[in-house]
């Protein structure tokens, strides 16, 4: 069974945690968002970047936040080009 893409009205942090299936470079960031109890689920992309830096997360995740932000913003604007109908992220 597949899930629909995350609700476009969700805050960035929650949007990350609710992505149904994970492909590519976003895997680490999404897993971090689900595992960290202090992850800013109601936060914007800058709050996520700050959290990653505050816990000395792998610096390779910072460019991934940029990519995720692009996908999130395109979803918020009704452009689903970054998300497949099943809720999987395209690479």
Protein backbone atom coordinates (compact mmCIF):
# COMPACT_ATOMS: atom_id res chain seq x y z
CA UNK A 1 0.00 0.00 0.00
CA UNK A 2 1.29 3.46 -0.81
CA UNK A 3 0.59 6.75 0.92
CA UNK A 4 -0.29 10.07 -0.69
CA UNK A 5 2.36 12.80 -0.72
CA UNK A 6 2.66 14.65 2.58
CA UNK A 7 0.11 17.40 3.12
CA UNK A 8 1.44 20.55 1.40
CA UNK A 9 0.33 22.69 4.36
CA UNK A 10 2.63 20.97 6.84
CA UNK A 11 5.59 22.75 8.41
CA UNK A 12 8.90 21.70 6.86
CA UNK A 13 10.04 19.52 9.79
CA UNK A 14 6.78 17.59 9.95
CA UNK A 15 6.67 17.27 6.15
CA UNK A 16 10.08 15.55 6.28
CA UNK A 17 8.99 13.11 8.96
CA UNK A 18 5.84 12.15 7.05
CA UNK A 19 7.38 11.26 3.69
CA UNK A 20 6.10 7.76 2.97
CA UNK A 21 9.09 6.22 1.22
CA UNK A 22 12.66 7.37 1.04
CA UNK A 23 14.94 7.41 -1.98
CA UNK A 24 18.41 8.82 -2.49
CA UNK A 25 20.25 11.37 -0.40
CA UNK A 26 17.22 12.37 1.67
CA UNK A 27 17.26 9.05 3.53
CA UNK A 28 19.64 10.21 6.28
CA UNK A 29 17.84 13.49 6.86
CA UNK A 30 14.43 11.87 7.02
CA UNK A 31 15.64 9.16 9.39
CA UNK A 32 17.21 11.86 11.59
CA UNK A 33 13.92 13.79 11.60
CA UNK A 34 12.07 10.71 12.81
CA UNK A 35 14.62 9.62 15.40
CA UNK A 36 15.47 12.93 17.08
CA UNK A 37 12.90 13.75 19.80
CA UNK A 38 13.93 17.42 19.69
CA UNK A 39 13.76 17.74 15.92
CA UNK A 40 11.87 20.95 15.06
CA UNK A 41 8.79 19.35 13.52
CA UNK A 42 7.00 22.70 13.46
CA UNK A 43 10.12 24.43 12.17
CA UNK A 44 11.13 25.98 8.91
CA UNK A 45 14.25 24.83 7.00
CA UNK A 46 16.51 27.20 8.98
CA UNK A 47 15.33 25.63 12.26
CA UNK A 48 16.24 22.21 10.86
CA UNK A 49 19.68 23.46 9.82
CA UNK A 50 20.21 24.93 13.31
CA UNK A 51 19.20 21.65 14.95
CA UNK A 52 21.60 19.67 12.76
CA UNK A 53 24.43 22.05 13.63
CA UNK A 54 23.60 22.04 17.35
CA UNK A 55 23.93 18.26 17.59
CA UNK A 56 27.02 18.13 15.40
CA UNK A 57 25.20 16.07 12.80
CA UNK A 58 27.03 14.98 9.67
CA UNK A 59 27.72 18.15 7.69
CA UNK A 60 26.80 16.27 4.52
CA UNK A 61 23.18 16.61 5.65
CA UNK A 62 23.17 20.41 5.24
CA UNK A 63 23.08 20.37 1.41
CA UNK A 64 20.38 17.71 1.66
CA UNK A 65 18.26 20.20 3.65
CA UNK A 66 18.55 22.56 0.67
CA UNK A 67 17.23 19.87 -1.67
CA UNK A 68 14.45 18.93 0.74
CA UNK A 69 13.52 22.60 1.10
CA UNK A 70 13.21 22.90 -2.68
CA UNK A 71 10.91 19.86 -2.79
CA UNK A 72 8.86 21.12 0.17
CA UNK A 73 8.42 24.56 -1.38
CA UNK A 74 7.38 23.05 -4.73
CA UNK A 75 4.84 20.88 -2.90
CA UNK A 76 3.51 23.93 -1.00
CA UNK A 77 3.05 25.75 -4.29
CA UNK A 78 1.11 22.87 -5.81
CA UNK A 79 4.00 21.64 -7.97
CA UNK A 80 4.32 17.94 -7.29
CA UNK A 81 7.27 17.45 -9.63
CA UNK A 82 9.45 16.29 -6.74
CA UNK A 83 6.95 13.80 -5.34
CA UNK A 84 5.46 10.83 -7.13
CA UNK A 85 1.74 9.98 -6.76
CA UNK A 86 2.68 7.24 -4.29
CA UNK A 87 4.38 9.72 -1.98
CA UNK A 88 7.90 8.64 -2.93
CA UNK A 89 10.44 11.38 -3.47
CA UNK A 90 12.01 11.49 -6.89
CA UNK A 91 15.74 11.83 -7.04
